[in-house]
């Protein structure tokens, strides 16, 4: 995901078709693979024009699944990174509406209040951004 740390590289990654591959990894990868894919998408989601492309690539369902506190996993990285992406998406009103339609607010609220959830604070932050716009 460090490859996506500057704007020109992020644009090249999106143009090269990286988003569908990253979304596929969110769905079928190992926990480490999911965390790495979420990290790369998190970098890409920092650019406002890319946010709609992330949603169009089908990222919302696997991101919401990663946020779920019922996900049995000792590694909090994928859940934290999914929260960061949802936080970036929530900064855009249309993306926030789409995320809410997919159940993001409920999943984030559940994670924010789940005892021992390793990404509870990230979930609370995403909820604040979603609420405050």
Protein backbone atom coordinates (compact mmCIF):
# COMPACT_ATOMS: atom_id res chain seq x y z
CA UNK A 1 0.00 0.00 0.00
CA UNK A 2 3.00 2.33 0.38
CA UNK A 3 3.10 2.51 -3.43
CA UNK A 4 -0.10 4.54 -3.29
CA UNK A 5 1.31 7.18 -0.98
CA UNK A 6 1.51 10.01 -3.55
CA UNK A 7 -1.20 11.47 -5.78
CA UNK A 8 0.37 10.71 -9.21
CA UNK A 9 0.94 7.08 -8.27
CA UNK A 10 -2.62 6.76 -6.93
CA UNK A 11 -3.97 8.07 -10.24
CA UNK A 12 -1.83 5.59 -12.20
CA UNK A 13 -3.00 2.69 -10.03
CA UNK A 14 -6.64 3.57 -10.62
CA UNK A 15 -6.09 4.05 -14.37
CA UNK A 16 -4.32 0.68 -14.55
CA UNK A 17 -7.39 -1.07 -13.13
CA UNK A 18 -6.12 -1.84 -9.63
CA UNK A 19 -9.46 -1.27 -7.88
CA UNK A 20 -11.28 -4.41 -9.07
CA UNK A 21 -8.27 -6.54 -8.13
CA UNK A 22 -8.08 -4.95 -4.69
CA UNK A 23 -11.80 -5.47 -4.12
CA UNK A 24 -11.42 -9.12 -5.13
CA UNK A 25 -8.63 -9.46 -2.56
CA UNK A 26 -10.90 -7.89 0.08
CA UNK A 27 -13.39 -10.67 -0.65
CA UNK A 28 -11.19 -13.73 -1.03
CA UNK A 29 -7.75 -12.96 0.36
CA UNK A 30 -6.12 -14.13 3.53
CA UNK A 31 -6.43 -11.85 6.54
CA UNK A 32 -3.06 -10.34 5.62
CA UNK A 33 -4.14 -9.93 2.00
CA UNK A 34 -7.38 -8.27 3.08
CA UNK A 35 -5.42 -5.91 5.31
CA UNK A 36 -3.02 -5.02 2.50
CA UNK A 37 -5.86 -4.49 0.02
CA UNK A 38 -7.71 -2.31 2.54
CA UNK A 39 -4.51 -0.34 3.11
CA UNK A 40 -4.10 0.34 -0.60
CA UNK A 41 -7.77 1.26 -1.00
CA UNK A 42 -7.45 3.54 2.02
CA UNK A 43 -4.67 5.46 0.28
CA UNK A 44 -6.75 5.62 -2.90
CA UNK A 45 -9.84 6.79 -1.00
CA UNK A 46 -8.01 9.89 0.19
CA UNK A 47 -8.61 11.37 -3.28
CA UNK A 48 -12.19 12.62 -3.65
CA UNK A 49 -12.54 11.70 -7.35
CA UNK A 50 -11.56 8.10 -6.60
CA UNK A 51 -14.21 7.53 -3.94
CA UNK A 52 -17.02 6.93 -6.43
CA UNK A 53 -14.79 4.51 -8.34
CA UNK A 54 -14.17 2.56 -5.15
CA UNK A 55 -17.90 2.21 -4.58
CA UNK A 56 -18.51 1.35 -8.26
CA UNK A 57 -15.87 -1.40 -7.99
CA UNK A 58 -18.06 -3.09 -5.37
CA UNK A 59 -15.96 -2.33 -2.31
CA UNK A 60 -18.78 -1.54 0.12
CA UNK A 61 -19.98 -5.08 0.96
CA UNK A 62 -16.51 -6.48 1.73
CA UNK A 63 -15.52 -3.34 3.65
CA UNK A 64 -18.63 -3.59 5.80
CA UNK A 65 -17.92 -7.29 6.37
CA UNK A 66 -14.40 -6.38 7.57
CA UNK A 67 -15.83 -3.82 10.01
CA UNK A 68 -18.19 -6.34 11.58
CA UNK A 69 -17.13 -7.05 15.17
CA UNK A 70 -18.36 -10.63 14.76
CA UNK A 71 -15.47 -11.29 12.37
CA UNK A 72 -13.37 -13.80 14.28
CA UNK A 73 -9.88 -12.46 13.88
CA UNK A 74 -7.04 -11.58 16.19
CA UNK A 75 -5.58 -9.12 13.67
CA UNK A 76 -7.32 -5.75 13.87
CA UNK A 77 -5.57 -4.25 10.83
CA UNK A 78 -8.19 -5.12 8.16
CA UNK A 79 -11.04 -3.82 10.33
CA UNK A 80 -9.18 -0.61 11.16
CA UNK A 81 -8.33 0.05 7.54
CA UNK A 82 -11.89 -0.65 6.44
CA UNK A 83 -13.04 1.95 8.99
CA UNK A 84 -10.56 4.47 7.54
CA UNK A 85 -11.96 3.91 4.05
CA UNK A 86 -15.54 4.27 5.26
CA UNK A 87 -14.49 7.46 7.05
CA UNK A 88 -13.07 8.88 3.79
CA UNK A 89 -16.21 7.86 1.91
CA UNK A 90 -18.39 9.51 4.56
CA UNK A 91 -16.79 12.87 3.78
CA UNK A 92 -18.74 12.85 0.50
CA UNK A 93 -22.52 13.11 0.90
CA UNK A 94 -23.38 10.79 -2.01
CA UNK A 95 -20.84 8.15 -0.94
CA UNK A 96 -22.13 8.42 2.63
CA UNK A 97 -25.67 7.72 1.41
CA UNK A 98 -24.52 4.67 -0.56
CA UNK A 99 -22.52 3.35 2.39
CA UNK A 100 -25.51 3.82 4.69
CA UNK A 101 -27.74 1.99 2.20
CA UNK A 102 -25.34 -0.97 2.46
CA UNK A 103 -25.51 -0.95 6.26
CA UNK A 104 -22.24 0.79 7.06
CA UNK A 105 -23.62 2.84 9.95
CA UNK A 106 -25.00 -0.23 11.70
CA UNK A 107 -21.78 -2.21 11.25
CA UNK A 108 -19.67 0.72 12.47
CA UNK A 109 -21.94 1.27 15.48
CA UNK A 110 -21.75 -2.42 16.38
CA UNK A 111 -17.95 -2.35 16.13
CA UNK A 112 -17.74 0.90 18.11
CA UNK A 113 -19.56 -0.69 21.06
CA UNK A 114 -18.29 -4.27 20.88
CA UNK A 115 -16.18 -5.28 23.88
CA UNK A 116 -12.64 -6.08 22.83
CA UNK A 117 -13.09 -5.01 19.21
CA UNK A 118 -9.63 -4.00 18.01
CA UNK A 119 -10.99 -1.36 15.66
CA UNK A 120 -13.64 0.20 17.91
CA UNK A 121 -11.94 3.61 18.02
CA UNK A 122 -11.57 3.71 14.23
CA UNK A 123 -15.27 2.80 13.96
CA UNK A 124 -16.22 5.63 16.35
CA UNK A 125 -14.20 8.08 14.27
CA UNK A 126 -15.86 6.93 11.03
CA UNK A 127 -19.26 7.33 12.65
CA UNK A 128 -18.43 10.89 13.75
CA UNK A 129 -17.36 11.83 10.23
CA UNK A 130 -20.50 10.22 8.80
CA UNK A 131 -22.69 12.06 11.26
CA UNK A 132 -20.96 15.42 10.89
CA UNK A 133 -20.34 15.13 7.13
